[in-house]
């Protein structure tokens, strides 16, 4: 049964503890809940005090918030919910419609898993989400964190939902010196030990809010924290050194070419990427392979068709989790009767908003065509492109409400091993896809995005265009 959010409670005045008590103090759930009742954030997917939590909305928000900021998710969530108001509506929708509605949020394996999970809930559970952590883990795309979050928030089951915000808070309170990701089991155990039997859903959201608004990555507002006294890192003045992390290794720069073709009837040449792999199932203008040693001087061998190509000044830069990308853009105009090569299609410019274009490809089209239709999400709607320091998750953005919730687990991202967007805010900016190891150790580290990536069918270009094929092998 879905739970009701508890109404706010008046705090109980307490005398300041003695110095010895401060040194031996442990964080208390009741103190955090008192703070939460006063300072909880008003989020569109969060049940208000006295309201019953909707498992569908809780689950949808948790999937959207993976690697993506609250500020970015808000408008997408509302539009998505308006289009698919129930899990039954989502399950019945065509895959293309789901991918198009997701376009701009990044890390597109989430959309595929979201659709698969909705179908499983309808087919296996008659449209009702199961209420236990163990049952939720059996659904597609739901890993340990999402199962715990939905079980706690939607069904008030005592479960430890540990995201990046929680990792930061607990590592500081207990001065966990083991670096992440090795510290995950210890942090989970510390969190599980403090989850209350009463109001575990509010506790889970309170801990997330504390990390998002008070215990931030930089300049935490310790004087306002309900756990200020028991926090060991604050007592030592080392708050900003936690959580400890292994330094992230940057990926090698990859280069490539993108080809934007405008037909005389104002249509643009697009194709759909293979369903699995980097940006799987998304739309894009034709591009070359992306390799560290790509020779732009030979780009015409990768052109999708013969035309009078013009190399546009400047380059399009984009950052994925595993590597940065630089694309040189070529532009051509063709007659109204030009046919699309095999595996490609013409899309009217006015209909580009109906295509599932990832942020990187929107940048390419903007570079070549200028402003795109208003129906496409804007960078302002999605959030400012920003890269968390050393893979940090759960910190606030400069806007104050753009915290990234957490990274995906391999189960949640297994259909897109290295790709996709979505970092803290990403559309016409950076796309990230960096799964983290499952806490239970069943999945290993994230594989290289180019190992075993599927190659698409060759296009049907003319003349020199067929020399290397219009491949997507990246």
Protein backbone atom coordinates (compact mmCIF):
# COMPACT_ATOMS: atom_id res chain seq x y z
CA UNK A 1 0.00 0.00 0.00
CA UNK A 2 1.33 3.44 -0.91
CA UNK A 3 2.19 5.51 2.11
CA UNK A 4 0.98 8.91 3.22
CA UNK A 5 3.48 11.68 3.85
CA UNK A 6 3.50 12.61 7.51
CA UNK A 7 2.45 16.06 8.59
CA UNK A 8 5.13 18.32 10.05
CA UNK A 9 5.91 18.03 13.74
CA UNK A 10 7.00 20.67 16.20
CA UNK A 11 10.61 20.27 17.35
CA UNK A 12 11.32 19.50 20.98
CA UNK A 13 13.65 21.95 22.69
CA UNK A 14 16.80 20.33 24.04
CA UNK A 15 19.58 21.63 26.24
CA UNK A 16 23.03 21.86 24.67
CA UNK A 17 24.96 18.68 25.47
CA UNK A 18 28.14 18.77 27.51
CA UNK A 19 31.50 18.58 25.76
CA UNK A 20 31.89 14.89 26.57
CA UNK A 21 28.45 14.18 25.14
CA UNK A 22 29.32 16.05 21.94
CA UNK A 23 32.43 13.92 21.43
CA UNK A 24 30.48 10.69 21.85
CA UNK A 25 27.29 11.82 20.08
CA UNK A 26 25.82 9.82 17.23
CA UNK A 27 23.52 11.26 14.52
CA UNK A 28 19.85 10.76 15.37
CA UNK A 29 17.07 10.23 12.86
CA UNK A 30 14.66 12.29 14.97
CA UNK A 31 16.85 15.40 14.68
CA UNK A 32 16.97 15.07 10.92
CA UNK A 33 13.21 14.57 10.68
CA UNK A 34 12.55 17.68 12.78
CA UNK A 35 14.74 19.66 10.37
CA UNK A 36 13.02 18.07 7.35
CA UNK A 37 9.54 18.97 8.61
CA UNK A 38 10.57 22.61 8.59
CA UNK A 39 12.78 22.76 5.50
CA UNK A 40 11.63 20.03 3.10
CA UNK A 41 11.79 21.00 -0.56
CA UNK A 42 8.60 21.32 -2.58
CA UNK A 43 9.20 19.00 -5.56
CA UNK A 44 6.55 18.06 -8.15
CA UNK A 45 7.01 14.32 -7.56
CA UNK A 46 7.03 14.56 -3.76
CA UNK A 47 3.82 13.95 -1.78
CA UNK A 48 2.84 16.84 0.46
CA UNK A 49 2.16 16.24 4.17
CA UNK A 50 -1.02 14.19 4.46
CA UNK A 51 -1.00 13.11 0.80
CA UNK A 52 -0.52 9.53 -0.39
CA UNK A 53 2.67 8.94 -2.34
CA UNK A 54 2.15 7.75 -5.92
CA UNK A 55 4.59 4.87 -6.63
CA UNK A 56 4.55 5.63 -10.37
CA UNK A 57 5.57 9.24 -9.83
CA UNK A 58 8.21 8.30 -7.26
CA UNK A 59 9.71 5.69 -9.59
CA UNK A 60 9.58 8.01 -12.62
CA UNK A 61 11.35 10.80 -10.74
CA UNK A 62 14.03 8.46 -9.42
CA UNK A 63 14.83 7.20 -12.93
CA UNK A 64 14.93 10.74 -14.32
CA UNK A 65 17.14 11.99 -11.49
CA UNK A 66 19.84 9.43 -12.18
CA UNK A 67 22.88 11.48 -13.19
CA UNK A 68 20.65 14.47 -13.86
CA UNK A 69 19.92 17.60 -11.86
CA UNK A 70 16.67 18.49 -10.15
CA UNK A 71 16.62 21.76 -12.09
CA UNK A 72 16.95 19.84 -15.37
CA UNK A 73 14.38 17.20 -14.47
CA UNK A 74 11.54 19.50 -13.33
CA UNK A 75 10.24 20.59 -16.78
CA UNK A 76 10.91 17.20 -18.37
CA UNK A 77 9.10 15.40 -15.57
CA UNK A 78 6.00 17.57 -15.89
CA UNK A 79 5.88 17.21 -19.69
CA UNK A 80 6.52 13.48 -19.52
CA UNK A 81 3.84 12.99 -16.86
CA UNK A 82 1.35 14.98 -18.92
CA UNK A 83 2.05 12.74 -21.90
CA UNK A 84 2.17 9.46 -19.92
CA UNK A 85 0.08 10.05 -16.76
CA UNK A 86 0.01 6.41 -15.64
CA UNK A 87 2.23 3.36 -15.85
CA UNK A 88 -0.38 1.79 -18.16
CA UNK A 89 -0.16 4.74 -20.56
CA UNK A 90 3.63 4.49 -20.59
CA UNK A 91 3.59 0.74 -21.14
CA UNK A 92 1.18 1.08 -24.09
CA UNK A 93 3.19 3.85 -25.81
CA UNK A 94 5.37 3.12 -28.87
CA UNK A 95 9.11 3.04 -28.14
CA UNK A 96 9.72 5.94 -30.52
CA UNK A 97 7.29 8.11 -28.57
CA UNK A 98 9.05 7.36 -25.30
CA UNK A 99 12.48 8.09 -26.77
CA UNK A 100 11.25 11.35 -28.28
CA UNK A 101 9.74 12.44 -24.96
CA UNK A 102 13.05 11.62 -23.25
CA UNK A 103 15.23 13.45 -25.79
CA UNK A 104 17.39 16.04 -24.05
CA UNK A 105 17.58 14.31 -20.67
CA UNK A 106 20.50 12.17 -21.72
CA UNK A 107 21.72 8.66 -20.89
CA UNK A 108 19.13 7.14 -23.14
CA UNK A 109 19.34 3.59 -21.82
CA UNK A 110 17.21 4.97 -18.97
CA UNK A 111 14.34 5.61 -21.39
CA UNK A 112 14.53 2.09 -22.81
CA UNK A 113 14.69 0.56 -19.34
CA UNK A 114 11.88 2.83 -18.17
CA UNK A 115 9.64 1.56 -20.96
CA UNK A 116 10.57 -2.07 -20.29
CA UNK A 117 9.90 -1.65 -16.57
CA UNK A 118 6.48 -0.10 -17.20
CA UNK A 119 5.55 -3.06 -19.40
CA UNK A 120 6.74 -5.48 -16.71
CA UNK A 121 4.67 -3.75 -14.02
CA UNK A 122 1.56 -3.95 -16.19
CA UNK A 123 2.13 -7.52 -17.37
CA UNK A 124 3.41 -9.07 -14.13
CA UNK A 125 1.76 -6.95 -11.47
CA UNK A 126 -1.44 -5.70 -13.14
CA UNK A 127 -0.23 -2.12 -13.16
CA UNK A 128 0.66 -1.95 -9.45
CA UNK A 129 4.26 -1.51 -8.38
CA UNK A 130 5.42 -4.16 -5.90
CA UNK A 131 5.96 -2.72 -2.44
CA UNK A 132 9.14 -4.42 -1.26
CA UNK A 133 12.76 -3.74 -2.06
CA UNK A 134 13.34 -7.37 -3.08
CA UNK A 135 10.40 -7.42 -5.53
CA UNK A 136 11.37 -4.07 -7.04
CA UNK A 137 14.85 -5.41 -7.77
CA UNK A 138 13.34 -7.98 -10.13
CA UNK A 139 12.05 -5.26 -12.48
CA UNK A 140 14.06 -4.10 -15.54
CA UNK A 141 16.33 -1.13 -14.96
CA UNK A 142 15.87 -1.03 -11.19
CA UNK A 143 19.08 -1.38 -9.21
CA UNK A 144 19.82 -1.33 -5.50
CA UNK A 145 19.42 2.41 -5.00
CA UNK A 146 16.20 2.81 -6.98
CA UNK A 147 14.62 -0.21 -5.29
CA UNK A 148 15.46 1.17 -1.85
CA UNK A 149 14.28 4.69 -2.72
CA UNK A 150 10.92 3.57 -4.15
CA UNK A 151 10.33 1.08 -1.32
CA UNK A 152 11.04 3.72 1.32
CA UNK A 153 9.42 6.78 -0.24
CA UNK A 154 6.37 5.16 -1.85
CA UNK A 155 5.72 2.31 0.60
CA UNK A 156 7.44 3.40 3.84
CA UNK A 157 9.55 0.26 3.95
CA UNK A 158 12.69 0.67 6.11
CA UNK A 159 15.34 0.75 3.37
CA UNK A 160 18.62 2.63 3.01
CA UNK A 161 18.56 4.67 -0.21
CA UNK A 162 22.18 5.71 -0.63
CA UNK A 163 22.84 8.22 -3.42
CA UNK A 164 25.69 10.68 -3.85
CA UNK A 165 24.17 13.10 -1.37
CA UNK A 166 23.88 10.41 1.28
CA UNK A 167 27.42 9.18 0.64
CA UNK A 168 28.73 12.68 1.23
CA UNK A 169 26.73 13.24 4.43
CA UNK A 170 27.52 9.89 6.02
CA UNK A 171 31.20 9.94 5.09
CA UNK A 172 31.54 13.33 6.79
CA UNK A 173 29.53 12.48 9.88
CA UNK A 174 31.59 9.32 10.44
CA UNK A 175 34.87 10.47 8.78
CA UNK A 176 34.98 7.46 6.45
CA UNK A 177 38.57 7.50 5.19
CA UNK A 178 38.19 4.63 2.73
CA UNK A 179 37.85 6.19 -0.77
CA UNK A 180 34.86 5.59 -2.99
CA UNK A 181 33.83 3.23 -4.48
CA UNK A 182 35.42 0.87 -1.92
CA UNK A 183 33.71 2.75 0.90
CA UNK A 184 30.21 2.03 -0.43
CA UNK A 185 29.51 -1.06 1.73
CA UNK A 186 30.65 0.77 4.86
CA UNK A 187 28.54 3.83 4.06
CA UNK A 188 25.52 1.66 3.32
CA UNK A 189 25.92 -0.16 6.64
CA UNK A 190 26.17 3.14 8.52
CA UNK A 191 23.02 4.38 6.79
CA UNK A 192 21.07 1.18 7.40
CA UNK A 193 21.91 1.41 11.10
CA UNK A 194 20.15 4.74 11.47
CA UNK A 195 17.06 4.24 9.25
CA UNK A 196 14.07 4.58 11.63
CA UNK A 197 11.19 2.13 11.72
CA UNK A 198 8.80 5.08 11.73
CA UNK A 199 8.82 7.46 8.73
CA UNK A 200 11.63 5.75 6.77
CA UNK A 201 10.40 7.42 3.56
CA UNK A 202 10.62 10.89 5.04
CA UNK A 203 14.02 9.98 6.47
CA UNK A 204 15.29 8.94 3.02
CA UNK A 205 14.14 12.23 1.48
CA UNK A 206 15.45 14.22 4.45
CA UNK A 207 18.92 12.74 4.05
CA UNK A 208 18.88 13.55 0.32
CA UNK A 209 17.72 17.10 1.00
CA UNK A 210 20.40 17.57 3.66
CA UNK A 211 23.13 16.64 1.19
CA UNK A 212 21.60 18.71 -1.60
CA UNK A 213 21.04 21.93 0.33
CA UNK A 214 23.24 21.96 3.46
CA UNK A 215 26.00 19.34 3.31
CA UNK A 216 27.09 20.39 -0.16
CA UNK A 217 30.33 19.43 -1.86
CA UNK A 218 31.85 22.86 -1.39
CA UNK A 219 31.23 25.37 1.40
CA UNK A 220 28.76 23.24 3.39
CA UNK A 221 26.49 25.26 5.67
CA UNK A 222 27.47 23.41 8.83
CA UNK A 223 25.95 26.01 11.19
CA UNK A 224 22.50 25.15 9.79
CA UNK A 225 22.93 21.37 9.88
CA UNK A 226 20.82 19.32 12.32
CA UNK A 227 23.75 16.91 12.62
CA UNK A 228 26.37 19.59 13.24
CA UNK A 229 27.33 18.37 16.71
CA UNK A 230 27.79 14.66 16.00
CA UNK A 231 29.63 15.37 12.71
CA UNK A 232 33.24 14.32 13.15
CA UNK A 233 34.50 15.98 9.99
CA UNK A 234 33.08 19.33 11.13
CA UNK A 235 34.77 18.94 14.50
CA UNK A 236 38.07 18.35 12.71
CA UNK A 237 37.49 21.06 10.10
CA UNK A 238 37.89 18.55 7.25
CA UNK A 239 34.38 18.59 5.78
CA UNK A 240 35.39 19.38 2.21
CA UNK A 241 37.89 16.51 2.09
CA UNK A 242 35.03 13.96 2.30
CA UNK A 243 34.04 11.73 0.70
CA UNK A 244 37.47 10.46 -0.23
CA UNK A 245 37.65 9.54 -3.91
CA UNK A 246 40.02 7.91 -6.33
CA UNK A 247 41.12 10.44 -8.92
CA UNK A 248 39.22 10.11 -12.16
CA UNK A 249 41.21 9.29 -15.29
CA UNK A 250 40.18 11.42 -18.26
CA UNK A 251 39.40 9.67 -21.52
CA UNK A 252 41.28 10.25 -24.76
CA UNK A 253 39.99 12.93 -27.14
CA UNK A 254 38.09 11.50 -30.11
CA UNK A 255 37.57 13.24 -33.44
CA UNK A 256 35.00 12.87 -36.19
CA UNK A 257 32.92 14.56 -38.88
CA UNK A 258 29.20 15.29 -39.02
CA UNK A 259 27.24 15.84 -42.23
CA UNK A 260 24.19 18.09 -42.30
CA UNK A 261 22.19 17.94 -45.54
CA UNK A 262 19.36 20.40 -46.22
CA UNK A 263 16.99 19.52 -49.05
CA UNK A 264 15.28 22.26 -51.09
CA UNK A 265 11.97 21.53 -49.36
CA UNK A 266 13.60 22.43 -45.99
CA UNK A 267 14.04 18.82 -44.88
CA UNK A 268 17.11 17.53 -43.04
CA UNK A 269 18.78 14.13 -43.54
CA UNK A 270 18.71 11.98 -40.37
CA UNK A 271 19.21 8.37 -39.37
CA UNK A 272 18.55 6.30 -36.26
CA UNK A 273 21.40 4.75 -34.32
CA UNK A 274 21.38 1.02 -33.46
CA UNK A 275 19.25 0.20 -30.41
CA UNK A 276 22.20 -0.83 -28.26
CA UNK A 277 25.41 1.01 -27.51
CA UNK A 278 26.26 4.67 -27.36
CA UNK A 279 23.13 6.86 -27.79
CA UNK A 280 21.25 3.74 -28.82
CA UNK A 281 17.99 4.31 -30.69
CA UNK A 282 18.51 8.07 -30.96
CA UNK A 283 18.31 10.19 -34.11
CA UNK A 284 21.27 12.01 -35.62
CA UNK A 285 22.59 13.55 -38.82
CA UNK A 286 25.06 11.14 -40.45
CA UNK A 287 28.53 11.14 -38.92
CA UNK A 288 31.83 9.38 -39.39
CA UNK A 289 33.53 7.10 -36.93
CA UNK A 290 34.84 8.81 -33.80
CA UNK A 291 38.49 7.95 -33.32
CA UNK A 292 41.55 9.62 -31.77
CA UNK A 293 43.33 9.78 -35.12
CA UNK A 294 40.43 10.68 -37.43
CA UNK A 295 41.72 12.60 -40.47
CA UNK A 296 39.34 15.43 -41.34
CA UNK A 297 41.07 15.80 -44.70
CA UNK A 298 39.56 12.45 -45.67
CA UNK A 299 36.07 13.22 -44.36
CA UNK A 300 34.47 13.21 -47.83
CA UNK A 301 34.97 9.45 -47.91
CA UNK A 302 32.41 9.26 -45.08
CA UNK A 303 29.85 11.65 -46.59
CA UNK A 304 26.38 10.07 -46.89
CA UNK A 305 25.85 11.24 -50.48
CA UNK A 306 27.53 13.22 -53.22
CA UNK A 307 26.97 16.95 -53.01
CA UNK A 308 28.85 20.24 -52.92
CA UNK A 309 30.00 20.00 -49.32
CA UNK A 310 31.11 23.04 -47.39
CA UNK A 311 33.25 22.69 -44.29
CA UNK A 312 31.82 25.04 -41.67
CA UNK A 313 34.18 27.10 -39.55
CA UNK A 314 34.72 26.04 -35.96
CA UNK A 315 34.07 22.66 -34.36
CA UNK A 316 31.40 21.14 -32.13
CA UNK A 317 32.74 20.03 -28.77
CA UNK A 318 30.96 17.60 -26.50
CA UNK A 319 32.00 15.70 -23.38
CA UNK A 320 30.85 12.18 -22.61
CA UNK A 321 31.83 10.51 -19.36
CA UNK A 322 34.50 8.35 -20.91
CA UNK A 323 35.88 10.76 -23.48
CA UNK A 324 35.66 14.26 -24.98
CA UNK A 325 34.54 14.59 -28.59
CA UNK A 326 35.26 17.17 -31.31
CA UNK A 327 33.23 17.09 -34.53
CA UNK A 328 33.95 19.00 -37.72
CA UNK A 329 30.66 19.86 -39.42
CA UNK A 330 30.10 19.72 -43.18
CA UNK A 331 27.01 21.25 -44.79
CA UNK A 332 25.38 20.71 -48.16
CA UNK A 333 22.17 21.63 -49.99
CA UNK A 334 20.49 19.20 -52.39
CA UNK A 335 17.50 19.39 -54.79
CA UNK A 336 13.93 18.68 -53.74
CA UNK A 337 13.94 15.31 -55.54
CA UNK A 338 17.05 13.99 -53.75
CA UNK A 339 16.42 10.56 -52.22
CA UNK A 340 17.67 9.49 -48.81
CA UNK A 341 20.40 6.80 -48.71
CA UNK A 342 19.43 3.41 -47.30
CA UNK A 343 18.72 3.54 -43.60
CA UNK A 344 18.23 7.31 -43.60
CA UNK A 345 15.25 9.63 -43.94
CA UNK A 346 14.27 13.21 -44.60
CA UNK A 347 12.71 15.11 -41.70
CA UNK A 348 11.17 18.56 -42.24
CA UNK A 349 13.05 21.15 -40.25
CA UNK A 350 9.80 22.14 -38.54
CA UNK A 351 9.43 18.53 -37.35
CA UNK A 352 12.88 18.18 -35.79
CA UNK A 353 11.26 18.62 -32.40
CA UNK A 354 9.52 15.27 -32.94
CA UNK A 355 12.84 13.46 -33.36
CA UNK A 356 14.72 11.85 -30.45
CA UNK A 357 17.84 13.97 -30.89
CA UNK A 358 20.50 13.77 -28.15
CA UNK A 359 22.17 16.96 -26.98
CA UNK A 360 25.35 16.35 -28.96
CA UNK A 361 23.43 16.11 -32.23
CA UNK A 362 21.35 19.18 -31.45
CA UNK A 363 24.62 21.05 -31.18
CA UNK A 364 25.63 19.80 -34.63
CA UNK A 365 22.32 20.92 -36.15
CA UNK A 366 22.45 24.31 -34.44
CA UNK A 367 26.00 24.77 -35.74
CA UNK A 368 24.82 24.15 -39.30
CA UNK A 369 21.26 25.47 -39.36
CA UNK A 370 21.10 28.04 -36.60
CA UNK A 371 18.08 28.12 -34.29
CA UNK A 372 16.02 24.94 -34.14
CA UNK A 373 12.23 24.71 -33.69
CA UNK A 374 10.85 25.95 -30.39
CA UNK A 375 9.53 22.47 -29.64
CA UNK A 376 13.06 21.30 -28.92
CA UNK A 377 14.13 21.61 -25.26
CA UNK A 378 16.39 24.57 -24.61
CA UNK A 379 19.59 24.55 -22.63
CA UNK A 380 17.93 26.78 -20.08
CA UNK A 381 15.20 24.21 -19.52
CA UNK A 382 17.62 21.38 -19.10
CA UNK A 383 20.25 23.13 -17.02
CA UNK A 384 23.67 24.60 -17.49
CA UNK A 385 26.35 22.23 -18.77
CA UNK A 386 28.74 21.54 -15.93
CA UNK A 387 31.06 18.68 -15.09
CA UNK A 388 31.15 17.52 -11.44
CA UNK A 389 34.62 17.44 -9.95
CA UNK A 390 36.28 14.06 -10.21
CA UNK A 391 32.98 12.31 -10.86
CA UNK A 392 31.22 13.85 -7.87
CA UNK A 393 27.56 13.00 -7.63
CA UNK A 394 24.96 14.65 -5.51
CA UNK A 395 26.33 18.17 -5.27
CA UNK A 396 24.46 21.39 -5.92
CA UNK A 397 24.89 23.36 -9.07
CA UNK A 398 25.54 27.08 -8.93
CA UNK A 399 21.83 27.71 -9.28
CA UNK A 400 21.33 26.15 -5.87
CA UNK A 401 18.93 23.46 -6.92
CA UNK A 402 20.67 21.50 -9.59
CA UNK A 403 22.14 18.70 -7.58
CA UNK A 404 22.87 15.49 -9.40
CA UNK A 405 21.35 12.59 -7.55
CA UNK A 406 23.67 9.70 -8.32
CA UNK A 407 25.31 7.57 -10.94
CA UNK A 408 23.61 4.64 -12.59
CA UNK A 409 24.31 1.08 -11.59
CA UNK A 410 25.33 -1.33 -14.35
CA UNK A 411 21.96 -3.10 -14.11
CA UNK A 412 20.20 0.17 -14.82
CA UNK A 413 22.59 1.00 -17.64
CA UNK A 414 23.47 -2.40 -19.03
CA UNK A 415 21.89 -1.70 -22.41
CA UNK A 416 24.08 1.36 -22.91
CA UNK A 417 27.59 0.50 -21.75
CA UNK A 418 29.36 3.72 -22.23
CA UNK A 419 27.18 6.20 -23.68
CA UNK A 420 24.51 8.57 -23.26
CA UNK A 421 24.12 11.79 -21.74
CA UNK A 422 23.18 13.05 -18.68
CA UNK A 423 25.28 14.39 -16.24
CA UNK A 424 24.20 17.02 -14.04
CA UNK A 425 22.66 19.05 -16.66
CA UNK A 426 23.35 18.27 -20.10
CA UNK A 427 21.64 18.92 -23.30
CA UNK A 428 23.33 21.24 -25.63
CA UNK A 429 26.35 20.71 -23.47
CA UNK A 430 27.84 17.60 -22.05
CA UNK A 431 26.60 14.09 -22.00
CA UNK A 432 27.81 11.62 -19.42
CA UNK A 433 27.31 7.99 -18.82
CA UNK A 434 29.39 6.55 -16.08
CA UNK A 435 27.85 3.58 -14.29
CA UNK A 436 29.10 2.79 -10.84
CA UNK A 437 29.67 -0.70 -9.46
CA UNK A 438 26.69 -2.40 -7.88
CA UNK A 439 26.95 -2.47 -4.14
CA UNK A 440 26.39 -6.22 -4.10
CA UNK A 441 29.38 -6.78 -6.35
CA UNK A 442 27.44 -8.67 -9.00
CA UNK A 443 28.47 -6.27 -11.71
CA UNK A 444 31.95 -5.18 -12.55
CA UNK A 445 33.28 -1.77 -13.58
CA UNK A 446 31.83 0.04 -16.52
CA UNK A 447 33.24 -1.28 -19.82
CA UNK A 448 34.83 0.87 -22.46
CA UNK A 449 32.04 2.30 -24.64
CA UNK A 450 33.74 1.14 -27.82
CA UNK A 451 34.35 -2.47 -26.87
CA UNK A 452 31.88 -4.58 -28.77
CA UNK A 453 29.77 -1.65 -29.92
CA UNK A 454 27.45 -2.73 -32.74
CA UNK A 455 27.98 -1.37 -36.23
CA UNK A 456 24.97 -0.25 -38.25
CA UNK A 457 24.11 -1.28 -41.74
CA UNK A 458 25.96 0.63 -44.39
CA UNK A 459 24.23 3.60 -45.88
CA UNK A 460 23.43 3.90 -49.53
CA UNK A 461 25.70 6.76 -50.53
CA UNK A 462 26.81 7.58 -54.06
CA UNK A 463 30.26 7.61 -55.63
CA UNK A 464 33.06 8.28 -53.14
CA UNK A 465 30.58 8.30 -50.30
CA UNK A 466 30.58 4.51 -50.23
CA UNK A 467 34.34 4.16 -49.79
CA UNK A 468 34.21 3.77 -46.00
CA UNK A 469 30.45 3.48 -45.48
CA UNK A 470 28.45 5.74 -43.28
CA UNK A 471 29.30 3.63 -40.24
CA UNK A 472 28.51 4.33 -36.61
CA UNK A 473 31.32 2.22 -35.31
CA UNK A 474 32.72 4.31 -32.49
